[in-house]
Amino acid sequence: AGDSLRLSCAASGRTFSLYTMGWFRQAPGKEREFVAAVSWNRGITNY
C-alpha cells in the first residue's frame, strides 16, 4: 500500500485514431469496474 505501478497496453493491428481506450479492473467474484478512459485523437480523459 502506498506504492506505485505503471501498466502498459500495447496494440497491434489498426491505429487507435478516432477510438476510445479504457482500463477496467475485476476482482474475483466481483463485477468488472471502469477505471479510466482516454480518447485516442484528442487525449480527453475520464476517471
All heavy atoms as atom14 arrays in JSON, in Angstrom:
{
  "sequence": "AGDSLRLSCAASGRTFSLYTMGWFRQAPGKEREFVAAVSWNRGITNY",
  "atom14_mask": [
    [1, 1, 1, 1, 1, 0, 0, 0, 0, 0, 0, 0, 0, 0],
    [1, 1, 1, 1, 0, 0, 0, 0, 0, 0, 0, 0, 0, 0],
    [1, 1, 1, 1, 1, 1, 1, 1, 0, 0, 0, 0, 0, 0],
    [1, 1, 1, 1, 1, 1, 0, 0, 0, 0, 0, 0, 0, 0],
    [1, 1, 1, 1, 1, 1, 1, 1, 0, 0, 0, 0, 0, 0],
    [1, 1, 1, 1, 1, 1, 1, 1, 1, 1, 1, 0, 0, 0],
    [1, 1, 1, 1, 1, 1, 1, 1, 0, 0, 0, 0, 0, 0],
    [1, 1, 1, 1, 1, 1, 0, 0, 0, 0, 0, 0, 0, 0],
    [1, 1, 1, 1, 1, 1, 0, 0, 0, 0, 0, 0, 0, 0],
    [1, 1, 1, 1, 1, 0, 0, 0, 0, 0, 0, 0, 0, 0],
    [1, 1, 1, 1, 1, 0, 0, 0, 0, 0, 0, 0, 0, 0],
    [1, 1, 1, 1, 1, 1, 0, 0, 0, 0, 0, 0, 0, 0],
    [1, 1, 1, 1, 0, 0, 0, 0, 0, 0, 0, 0, 0, 0],
    [1, 1, 1, 1, 1, 1, 1, 1, 1, 1, 1, 0, 0, 0],
    [1, 1, 1, 1, 1, 1, 1, 0, 0, 0, 0, 0, 0, 0],
    [1, 1, 1, 1, 1, 1, 1, 1, 1, 1, 1, 0, 0, 0],
    [1, 1, 1, 1, 1, 1, 0, 0, 0, 0, 0, 0, 0, 0],
    [1, 1, 1, 1, 1, 1, 1, 1, 0, 0, 0, 0, 0, 0],
    [1, 1, 1, 1, 1, 1, 1, 1, 1, 1, 1, 1, 0, 0],
    [1, 1, 1, 1, 1, 1, 1, 0, 0, 0, 0, 0, 0, 0],
    [1, 1, 1, 1, 1, 1, 1, 1, 0, 0, 0, 0, 0, 0],
    [1, 1, 1, 1, 0, 0, 0, 0, 0, 0, 0, 0, 0, 0],
    [1, 1, 1, 1, 1, 1, 1, 1, 1, 1, 1, 1, 1, 1],
    [1, 1, 1, 1, 1, 1, 1, 1, 1, 1, 1, 0, 0, 0],
    [1, 1, 1, 1, 1, 1, 1, 1, 1, 1, 1, 0, 0, 0],
    [1, 1, 1, 1, 1, 1, 1, 1, 1, 0, 0, 0, 0, 0],
    [1, 1, 1, 1, 1, 0, 0, 0, 0, 0, 0, 0, 0, 0],
    [1, 1, 1, 1, 1, 1, 1, 0, 0, 0, 0, 0, 0, 0],
    [1, 1, 1, 1, 0, 0, 0, 0, 0, 0, 0, 0, 0, 0],
    [1, 1, 1, 1, 1, 1, 1, 1, 1, 0, 0, 0, 0, 0],
    [1, 1, 1, 1, 1, 1, 1, 1, 1, 0, 0, 0, 0, 0],
    [1, 1, 1, 1, 1, 1, 1, 1, 1, 1, 1, 0, 0, 0],
    [1, 1, 1, 1, 1, 1, 1, 1, 1, 0, 0, 0, 0, 0],
    [1, 1, 1, 1, 1, 1, 1, 1, 1, 1, 1, 0, 0, 0],
    [1, 1, 1, 1, 1, 1, 1, 0, 0, 0, 0, 0, 0, 0],
    [1, 1, 1, 1, 1, 0, 0, 0, 0, 0, 0, 0, 0, 0],
    [1, 1, 1, 1, 1, 0, 0, 0, 0, 0, 0, 0, 0, 0],
    [1, 1, 1, 1, 1, 1, 1, 0, 0, 0, 0, 0, 0, 0],
    [1, 1, 1, 1, 1, 1, 0, 0, 0, 0, 0, 0, 0, 0],
    [1, 1, 1, 1, 1, 1, 1, 1, 1, 1, 1, 1, 1, 1],
    [1, 1, 1, 1, 1, 1, 1, 1, 0, 0, 0, 0, 0, 0],
    [1, 1, 1, 1, 1, 1, 1, 1, 1, 1, 1, 0, 0, 0],
    [1, 1, 1, 1, 0, 0, 0, 0, 0, 0, 0, 0, 0, 0],
    [1, 1, 1, 1, 1, 1, 1, 1, 0, 0, 0, 0, 0, 0],
    [1, 1, 1, 1, 1, 1, 1, 0, 0, 0, 0, 0, 0, 0],
    [1, 1, 1, 1, 1, 1, 1, 1, 0, 0, 0, 0, 0, 0],
    [1, 1, 1, 1, 1, 1, 1, 1, 1, 1, 1, 1, 0, 0]
  ],
  "atom14_positions": [
    [[0.83, -1.19, 0.0], [0.0, 0.0, 0.0], [0.87, 1.25, 0.0], [1.86, 1.34, 0.73], [-0.93, 0.0, 1.21], [0.0, 0.0, 0.0], [0.0, 0.0, 0.0], [0.0, 0.0, 0.0], [0.0, 0.0, 0.0], [0.0, 0.0, 0.0], [0.0, 0.0, 0.0], [0.0, 0.0, 0.0], [0.0, 0.0, 0.0], [0.0, 0.0, 0.0]],
    [[0.5, 2.21, -0.84], [1.25, 3.43, -0.99], [2.24, 3.41, -2.13], [2.74, 4.48, -2.52], [0.0, 0.0, 0.0], [0.0, 0.0, 0.0], [0.0, 0.0, 0.0], [0.0, 0.0, 0.0], [0.0, 0.0, 0.0], [0.0, 0.0, 0.0], [0.0, 0.0, 0.0], [0.0, 0.0, 0.0], [0.0, 0.0, 0.0], [0.0, 0.0, 0.0]],
    [[2.53, 2.24, -2.67], [3.47, 2.12, -3.78], [2.82, 2.53, -5.1], [1.62, 2.82, -5.16], [4.0, 0.7, -3.88], [4.99, 0.36, -2.8], [5.42, 1.27, -2.06], [5.35, -0.83, -2.68], [0.0, 0.0, 0.0], [0.0, 0.0, 0.0], [0.0, 0.0, 0.0], [0.0, 0.0, 0.0], [0.0, 0.0, 0.0], [0.0, 0.0, 0.0]],
    [[3.62, 2.51, -6.15], [3.17, 2.87, -7.49], [3.46, 1.77, -8.48], [4.41, 1.0, -8.32], [3.85, 4.17, -7.96], [3.51, 5.26, -7.15], [0.0, 0.0, 0.0], [0.0, 0.0, 0.0], [0.0, 0.0, 0.0], [0.0, 0.0, 0.0], [0.0, 0.0, 0.0], [0.0, 0.0, 0.0], [0.0, 0.0, 0.0], [0.0, 0.0, 0.0]],
    [[2.63, 1.68, -9.5], [2.84, 0.79, -10.63], [2.44, 1.51, -11.9], [1.58, 2.39, -11.88], [2.0, -0.49, -10.51], [2.5, -1.63, -9.62], [1.45, -2.73, -9.56], [3.82, -2.18, -10.13], [0.0, 0.0, 0.0], [0.0, 0.0, 0.0], [0.0, 0.0, 0.0], [0.0, 0.0, 0.0], [0.0, 0.0, 0.0], [0.0, 0.0, 0.0]],
    [[3.07, 1.11, -12.99], [2.71, 1.64, -14.29], [2.35, 0.48, -15.21], [3.2, -0.36, -15.52], [3.84, 2.46, -14.9], [3.44, 3.2, -16.17], [4.57, 4.08, -16.69], [4.17, 4.87, -17.84], [3.63, 6.08, -17.77], [3.42, 6.65, -16.6], [3.29, 6.72, -18.88], [0.0, 0.0, 0.0], [0.0, 0.0, 0.0], [0.0, 0.0, 0.0]],
    [[1.1, 0.44, -15.63], [0.63, -0.57, -16.55], [0.73, -0.05, -17.98], [0.54, 1.14, -18.23], [-0.81, -0.97, -16.25], [-1.13, -1.41, -14.83], [-2.59, -1.83, -14.73], [-0.22, -2.54, -14.38], [0.0, 0.0, 0.0], [0.0, 0.0, 0.0], [0.0, 0.0, 0.0], [0.0, 0.0, 0.0], [0.0, 0.0, 0.0], [0.0, 0.0, 0.0]],
    [[1.0, -0.95, -18.9], [1.09, -0.58, -20.29], [0.26, -1.54, -21.13], [0.2, -2.73, -20.84], [2.54, -0.6, -20.77], [2.64, -0.19, -22.12], [0.0, 0.0, 0.0], [0.0, 0.0, 0.0], [0.0, 0.0, 0.0], [0.0, 0.0, 0.0], [0.0, 0.0, 0.0], [0.0, 0.0, 0.0], [0.0, 0.0, 0.0], [0.0, 0.0, 0.0]],
    [[-0.38, -1.02, -22.14], [-1.18, -1.79, -23.08], [-0.65, -1.53, -24.48], [-0.68, -0.39, -24.95], [-2.65, -1.41, -22.98], [-3.72, -2.23, -24.18], [0.0, 0.0, 0.0], [0.0, 0.0, 0.0], [0.0, 0.0, 0.0], [0.0, 0.0, 0.0], [0.0, 0.0, 0.0], [0.0, 0.0, 0.0], [0.0, 0.0, 0.0], [0.0, 0.0, 0.0]],
    [[-0.16, -2.58, -25.12], [0.38, -2.48, -26.46], [-0.64, -2.98, -27.46], [-1.21, -4.07, -27.3], [1.68, -3.27, -26.59], [0.0, 0.0, 0.0], [0.0, 0.0, 0.0], [0.0, 0.0, 0.0], [0.0, 0.0, 0.0], [0.0, 0.0, 0.0], [0.0, 0.0, 0.0], [0.0, 0.0, 0.0], [0.0, 0.0, 0.0], [0.0, 0.0, 0.0]],
    [[-0.87, -2.2, -28.49], [-1.85, -2.54, -29.52], [-1.15, -2.89, -30.82], [-0.16, -2.26, -31.19], [-2.82, -1.38, -29.75], [0.0, 0.0, 0.0], [0.0, 0.0, 0.0], [0.0, 0.0, 0.0], [0.0, 0.0, 0.0], [0.0, 0.0, 0.0], [0.0, 0.0, 0.0], [0.0, 0.0, 0.0], [0.0, 0.0, 0.0], [0.0, 0.0, 0.0]],
    [[-1.67, -3.88, -31.49], [-1.2, -4.25, -32.82], [-2.39, -4.34, -33.75], [-3.51, -4.6, -33.33], [-0.42, -5.57, -32.79], [-1.25, -6.63, -32.34], [0.0, 0.0, 0.0], [0.0, 0.0, 0.0], [0.0, 0.0, 0.0], [0.0, 0.0, 0.0], [0.0, 0.0, 0.0], [0.0, 0.0, 0.0], [0.0, 0.0, 0.0], [0.0, 0.0, 0.0]],
    [[-2.13, -4.14, -35.02], [-3.19, -4.12, -36.0], [-3.52, -2.71, -36.41], [-2.67, -2.01, -36.95], [0.0, 0.0, 0.0], [0.0, 0.0, 0.0], [0.0, 0.0, 0.0], [0.0, 0.0, 0.0], [0.0, 0.0, 0.0], [0.0, 0.0, 0.0], [0.0, 0.0, 0.0], [0.0, 0.0, 0.0], [0.0, 0.0, 0.0], [0.0, 0.0, 0.0]],
    [[-4.74, -2.28, -36.12], [-5.18, -0.96, -36.51], [-4.61, 0.14, -35.62], [-4.29, -0.09, -34.45], [-6.7, -0.88, -36.5], [-7.38, -1.64, -37.63], [-8.87, -1.45, -37.55], [-9.56, -1.96, -38.72], [-10.87, -1.92, -38.89], [-11.65, -1.4, -37.96], [-11.42, -2.42, -40.0], [0.0, 0.0, 0.0], [0.0, 0.0, 0.0], [0.0, 0.0, 0.0]],
    [[-4.55, 1.34, -36.17], [-4.19, 2.52, -35.4], [-5.35, 2.89, -34.47], [-6.5, 2.62, -34.76], [-3.87, 3.69, -36.35], [-2.8, 3.32, -37.21], [-3.48, 4.93, -35.58], [0.0, 0.0, 0.0], [0.0, 0.0, 0.0], [0.0, 0.0, 0.0], [0.0, 0.0, 0.0], [0.0, 0.0, 0.0], [0.0, 0.0, 0.0], [0.0, 0.0, 0.0]],
    [[-5.02, 3.53, -33.35], [-6.01, 3.89, -32.35], [-6.78, 5.17, -32.66], [-7.67, 5.54, -31.88], [-5.35, 4.04, -30.98], [-5.12, 2.75, -30.28], [-3.83, 2.29, -30.07], [-6.19, 2.0, -29.82], [-3.62, 1.09, -29.41], [-5.98, 0.8, -29.17], [-4.69, 0.35, -28.97], [0.0, 0.0, 0.0], [0.0, 0.0, 0.0], [0.0, 0.0, 0.0]],
    [[-6.45, 5.83, -33.73], [-7.09, 7.1, -34.03], [-8.61, 6.95, -34.16], [-9.12, 5.98, -34.72], [-6.52, 7.7, -35.32], [-6.72, 6.83, -36.42], [0.0, 0.0, 0.0], [0.0, 0.0, 0.0], [0.0, 0.0, 0.0], [0.0, 0.0, 0.0], [0.0, 0.0, 0.0], [0.0, 0.0, 0.0], [0.0, 0.0, 0.0], [0.0, 0.0, 0.0]],
    [[-9.32, 7.93, -33.59], [-10.78, 8.01, -33.62], [-11.47, 6.97, -32.73], [-12.67, 6.77, -32.84], [-11.31, 7.91, -35.05], [-10.77, 8.93, -36.04], [-11.38, 8.72, -37.41], [-11.04, 10.35, -35.54], [0.0, 0.0, 0.0], [0.0, 0.0, 0.0], [0.0, 0.0, 0.0], [0.0, 0.0, 0.0], [0.0, 0.0, 0.0], [0.0, 0.0, 0.0]],
    [[-10.73, 6.35, -31.84], [-11.27, 5.39, -30.9], [-11.04, 5.86, -29.46], [-10.27, 6.77, -29.2], [-10.64, 4.01, -31.07], [-11.08, 3.28, -32.32], [-10.36, 3.43, -33.51], [-12.19, 2.45, -32.31], [-10.75, 2.76, -34.65], [-12.58, 1.78, -33.45], [-11.86, 1.93, -34.62], [-12.25, 1.25, -35.75], [0.0, 0.0, 0.0], [0.0, 0.0, 0.0]],
    [[-11.72, 5.21, -28.53], [-11.53, 5.41, -27.11], [-10.86, 4.18, -26.52], [-11.24, 3.06, -26.82], [-12.86, 5.68, -26.4], [-13.45, 6.87, -26.92], [-12.66, 5.83, -24.9], [0.0, 0.0, 0.0], [0.0, 0.0, 0.0], [0.0, 0.0, 0.0], [0.0, 0.0, 0.0], [0.0, 0.0, 0.0], [0.0, 0.0, 0.0], [0.0, 0.0, 0.0]],
    [[-9.84, 4.4, -25.68], [-9.18, 3.32, -24.97], [-9.48, 3.45, -23.49], [-9.49, 4.55, -22.94], [-7.67, 3.35, -25.21], [-7.26, 3.09, -26.64], [-7.72, 1.42, -27.19], [-6.85, 0.41, -25.99], [0.0, 0.0, 0.0], [0.0, 0.0, 0.0], [0.0, 0.0, 0.0], [0.0, 0.0, 0.0], [0.0, 0.0, 0.0], [0.0, 0.0, 0.0]],
    [[-9.71, 2.31, -22.85], [-10.06, 2.32, -21.44], [-9.35, 1.25, -20.65], [-8.83, 0.28, -21.21], [0.0, 0.0, 0.0], [0.0, 0.0, 0.0], [0.0, 0.0, 0.0], [0.0, 0.0, 0.0], [0.0, 0.0, 0.0], [0.0, 0.0, 0.0], [0.0, 0.0, 0.0], [0.0, 0.0, 0.0], [0.0, 0.0, 0.0], [0.0, 0.0, 0.0]],
    [[-9.3, 1.45, -19.35], [-8.82, 0.47, -18.4], [-9.97, 0.07, -17.47], [-10.69, 0.92, -16.95], [-7.66, 1.0, -17.56], [-6.35, 1.07, -18.29], [-5.82, 2.13, -18.93], [-5.4, 0.0, -18.42], [-4.6, 1.8, -19.47], [-4.32, 0.51, -19.18], [-5.36, -1.32, -17.99], [-3.2, -0.27, -19.5], [-4.26, -2.1, -18.31], [-3.2, -1.57, -19.06]],
    [[-10.13, -1.24, -17.29], [-11.09, -1.8, -16.37], [-10.37, -2.73, -15.41], [-9.26, -3.19, -15.68], [-12.18, -2.58, -17.11], [-13.1, -1.72, -17.93], [-12.71, -1.25, -19.17], [-14.36, -1.4, -17.46], [-13.55, -0.46, -19.93], [-15.22, -0.62, -18.22], [-14.81, -0.15, -19.45], [0.0, 0.0, 0.0], [0.0, 0.0, 0.0], [0.0, 0.0, 0.0]],
    [[-11.01, -3.03, -14.3], [-10.45, -3.99, -13.36], [-11.54, -4.9, -12.83], [-12.7, -4.51, -12.75], [-9.72, -3.29, -12.21], [-10.61, -2.45, -11.31], [-9.76, -1.64, -10.35], [-10.57, -0.87, -9.41], [-10.07, 0.01, -8.55], [-8.75, 0.23, -8.52], [-10.87, 0.68, -7.73], [0.0, 0.0, 0.0], [0.0, 0.0, 0.0], [0.0, 0.0, 0.0]],
    [[-11.15, -6.11, -12.46], [-12.09, -7.08, -11.96], [-11.43, -7.95, -10.9], [-10.42, -8.6, -11.17], [-12.63, -7.96, -13.09], [-13.75, -8.88, -12.67], [-14.44, -9.54, -13.84], [-13.86, -9.66, -14.92], [-15.68, -9.94, -13.65], [0.0, 0.0, 0.0], [0.0, 0.0, 0.0], [0.0, 0.0, 0.0], [0.0, 0.0, 0.0], [0.0, 0.0, 0.0]],
    [[-12.01, -7.96, -9.72], [-11.58, -8.83, -8.64], [-12.42, -10.1, -8.65], [-13.55, -10.09, -9.15], [-11.7, -8.12, -7.3], [0.0, 0.0, 0.0], [0.0, 0.0, 0.0], [0.0, 0.0, 0.0], [0.0, 0.0, 0.0], [0.0, 0.0, 0.0], [0.0, 0.0, 0.0], [0.0, 0.0, 0.0], [0.0, 0.0, 0.0], [0.0, 0.0, 0.0]],
    [[-11.91, -11.21, -8.12], [-12.68, -12.46, -8.11], [-14.04, -12.29, -7.45], [-14.15, -11.73, -6.36], [-11.79, -13.42, -7.32], [-10.41, -12.89, -7.52], [-10.56, -11.39, -7.56], [0.0, 0.0, 0.0], [0.0, 0.0, 0.0], [0.0, 0.0, 0.0], [0.0, 0.0, 0.0], [0.0, 0.0, 0.0], [0.0, 0.0, 0.0], [0.0, 0.0, 0.0]],
    [[-15.08, -12.76, -8.12], [-16.43, -12.69, -7.59], [-17.09, -11.33, -7.7], [-18.2, -11.17, -7.19], [0.0, 0.0, 0.0], [0.0, 0.0, 0.0], [0.0, 0.0, 0.0], [0.0, 0.0, 0.0], [0.0, 0.0, 0.0], [0.0, 0.0, 0.0], [0.0, 0.0, 0.0], [0.0, 0.0, 0.0], [0.0, 0.0, 0.0], [0.0, 0.0, 0.0]],
    [[-16.43, -10.37, -8.34], [-16.99, -9.03, -8.45], [-17.18, -8.65, -9.92], [-16.6, -9.27, -10.81], [-16.1, -8.01, -7.75], [-15.97, -8.22, -6.26], [-15.14, -7.12, -5.61], [-15.06, -7.32, -4.11], [-14.27, -6.25, -3.46], [0.0, 0.0, 0.0], [0.0, 0.0, 0.0], [0.0, 0.0, 0.0], [0.0, 0.0, 0.0], [0.0, 0.0, 0.0]],
    [[-17.99, -7.63, -10.14], [-18.24, -7.15, -11.48], [-17.05, -6.39, -12.02], [-16.25, -5.82, -11.27], [-19.48, -6.25, -11.5], [-20.76, -6.93, -11.06], [-21.19, -8.02, -12.0], [-20.99, -7.86, -13.23], [-21.73, -9.03, -11.54], [0.0, 0.0, 0.0], [0.0, 0.0, 0.0], [0.0, 0.0, 0.0], [0.0, 0.0, 0.0], [0.0, 0.0, 0.0]],
    [[-16.93, -6.39, -13.34], [-15.89, -5.6, -13.98], [-16.18, -4.11, -13.77], [-17.29, -3.64, -13.99], [-15.81, -5.95, -15.46], [-14.66, -5.27, -16.19], [-14.42, -5.92, -17.55], [-13.93, -7.28, -17.41], [-13.59, -8.06, -18.42], [-13.69, -7.6, -19.67], [-13.16, -9.29, -18.21], [0.0, 0.0, 0.0], [0.0, 0.0, 0.0], [0.0, 0.0, 0.0]],
    [[-15.16, -3.37, -13.38], [-15.31, -1.99, -12.94], [-14.51, -1.05, -13.83], [-13.33, -1.29, -14.12], [-14.84, -1.86, -11.48], [-14.86, -0.45, -10.93], [-14.21, -0.35, -9.56], [-13.48, -1.29, -9.18], [-14.44, 0.65, -8.87], [0.0, 0.0, 0.0], [0.0, 0.0, 0.0], [0.0, 0.0, 0.0], [0.0, 0.0, 0.0], [0.0, 0.0, 0.0]],
    [[-15.14, 0.03, -14.25], [-14.46, 1.06, -15.02], [-13.42, 1.76, -14.17], [-13.66, 2.08, -13.0], [-15.48, 2.08, -15.54], [-14.85, 3.29, -16.17], [-14.35, 3.23, -17.46], [-14.77, 4.48, -15.47], [-13.78, 4.34, -18.04], [-14.2, 5.6, -16.05], [-13.7, 5.53, -17.34], [0.0, 0.0, 0.0], [0.0, 0.0, 0.0], [0.0, 0.0, 0.0]],
    [[-12.25, 2.01, -14.75], [-11.17, 2.7, -14.06], [-10.87, 4.04, -14.72], [-10.91, 5.09, -14.07], [-9.89, 1.84, -14.02], [-8.74, 2.62, -13.37], [-10.14, 0.54, -13.28], [0.0, 0.0, 0.0], [0.0, 0.0, 0.0], [0.0, 0.0, 0.0], [0.0, 0.0, 0.0], [0.0, 0.0, 0.0], [0.0, 0.0, 0.0], [0.0, 0.0, 0.0]],
    [[-10.57, 4.03, -16.01], [-10.2, 5.25, -16.71], [-10.33, 5.04, -18.21], [-10.3, 3.91, -18.69], [-8.77, 5.68, -16.36], [0.0, 0.0, 0.0], [0.0, 0.0, 0.0], [0.0, 0.0, 0.0], [0.0, 0.0, 0.0], [0.0, 0.0, 0.0], [0.0, 0.0, 0.0], [0.0, 0.0, 0.0], [0.0, 0.0, 0.0], [0.0, 0.0, 0.0]],
    [[-10.46, 6.13, -18.95], [-10.54, 6.07, -20.4], [-9.92, 7.32, -20.99], [-9.86, 8.37, -20.34], [-11.99, 5.92, -20.87], [0.0, 0.0, 0.0], [0.0, 0.0, 0.0], [0.0, 0.0, 0.0], [0.0, 0.0, 0.0], [0.0, 0.0, 0.0], [0.0, 0.0, 0.0], [0.0, 0.0, 0.0], [0.0, 0.0, 0.0], [0.0, 0.0, 0.0]],
    [[-9.46, 7.21, -22.23], [-8.87, 8.33, -22.94], [-9.26, 8.25, -24.4], [-9.25, 7.16, -25.0], [-7.33, 8.36, -22.77], [-6.69, 7.08, -23.31], [-6.73, 9.58, -23.45], [0.0, 0.0, 0.0], [0.0, 0.0, 0.0], [0.0, 0.0, 0.0], [0.0, 0.0, 0.0], [0.0, 0.0, 0.0], [0.0, 0.0, 0.0], [0.0, 0.0, 0.0]],
    [[-9.62, 9.38, -24.99], [-9.88, 9.42, -26.42], [-8.56, 9.43, -27.17], [-7.63, 10.15, -26.8], [-10.73, 10.64, -26.79], [-10.05, 11.85, -26.49], [0.0, 0.0, 0.0], [0.0, 0.0, 0.0], [0.0, 0.0, 0.0], [0.0, 0.0, 0.0], [0.0, 0.0, 0.0], [0.0, 0.0, 0.0], [0.0, 0.0, 0.0], [0.0, 0.0, 0.0]],
    [[-8.48, 8.64, -28.22], [-7.2, 8.44, -28.89], [-6.73, 9.67, -29.64], [-5.53, 9.97, -29.65], [-7.29, 7.25, -29.84], [-5.95, 6.78, -30.3], [-5.44, 6.86, -31.56], [-4.95, 6.15, -29.49], [-4.18, 6.33, -31.59], [-3.84, 5.87, -30.34], [-4.88, 5.79, -28.15], [-2.69, 5.27, -29.87], [-3.73, 5.19, -27.68], [-2.66, 4.93, -28.53]],
    [[-7.65, 10.39, -30.26], [-7.24, 11.52, -31.08], [-6.94, 12.78, -30.29], [-5.97, 13.49, -30.6], [-8.3, 11.8, -32.15], [-9.67, 12.07, -31.57], [-9.95, 11.73, -30.43], [-10.53, 12.69, -32.38], [0.0, 0.0, 0.0], [0.0, 0.0, 0.0], [0.0, 0.0, 0.0], [0.0, 0.0, 0.0], [0.0, 0.0, 0.0], [0.0, 0.0, 0.0]],
    [[-7.73, 13.08, -29.27], [-7.57, 14.32, -28.52], [-6.96, 14.15, -27.14], [-6.52, 15.13, -26.53], [-8.91, 15.04, -28.39], [-9.53, 15.44, -29.73], [-8.66, 16.45, -30.44], [-9.27, 16.91, -31.69], [-10.03, 17.97, -31.81], [-10.29, 18.73, -30.75], [-10.54, 18.3, -32.99], [0.0, 0.0, 0.0], [0.0, 0.0, 0.0], [0.0, 0.0, 0.0]],
    [[-6.95, 12.94, -26.61], [-6.39, 12.71, -25.3], [-7.28, 13.14, -24.15], [-6.77, 13.37, -23.04], [0.0, 0.0, 0.0], [0.0, 0.0, 0.0], [0.0, 0.0, 0.0], [0.0, 0.0, 0.0], [0.0, 0.0, 0.0], [0.0, 0.0, 0.0], [0.0, 0.0, 0.0], [0.0, 0.0, 0.0], [0.0, 0.0, 0.0], [0.0, 0.0, 0.0]],
    [[-8.57, 13.26, -24.37], [-9.51, 13.61, -23.31], [-9.68, 12.43, -22.38], [-9.93, 11.31, -22.83], [-10.86, 14.05, -23.9], [-10.68, 15.24, -24.83], [-11.84, 14.38, -22.79], [-11.92, 15.6, -25.61], [0.0, 0.0, 0.0], [0.0, 0.0, 0.0], [0.0, 0.0, 0.0], [0.0, 0.0, 0.0], [0.0, 0.0, 0.0], [0.0, 0.0, 0.0]],
    [[-9.57, 12.67, -21.08], [-9.56, 11.59, -20.09], [-10.8, 11.62, -19.21], [-11.41, 12.66, -18.99], [-8.32, 11.67, -19.21], [-8.29, 12.94, -18.54], [-7.06, 11.52, -20.04], [0.0, 0.0, 0.0], [0.0, 0.0, 0.0], [0.0, 0.0, 0.0], [0.0, 0.0, 0.0], [0.0, 0.0, 0.0], [0.0, 0.0, 0.0], [0.0, 0.0, 0.0]],
    [[-11.15, 10.43, -18.71], [-12.22, 10.26, -17.73], [-11.76, 9.24, -16.71], [-11.1, 8.26, -17.06], [-13.51, 9.8, -18.39], [-14.15, 10.85, -19.26], [-14.72, 11.81, -18.76], [-14.03, 10.7, -20.57], [0.0, 0.0, 0.0], [0.0, 0.0, 0.0], [0.0, 0.0, 0.0], [0.0, 0.0, 0.0], [0.0, 0.0, 0.0], [0.0, 0.0, 0.0]],
    [[-12.14, 9.46, -15.45], [-11.7, 8.6, -14.36], [-12.86, 8.22, -13.47], [-13.8, 9.0, -13.27], [-10.64, 9.28, -13.51], [-9.37, 9.6, -14.23], [-9.17, 10.84, -14.8], [-8.36, 8.65, -14.34], [-8.0, 11.14, -15.47], [-7.19, 8.94, -15.0], [-7.01, 10.18, -15.57], [-5.84, 10.47, -16.22], [0.0, 0.0, 0.0], [0.0, 0.0, 0.0]]
  ]
}
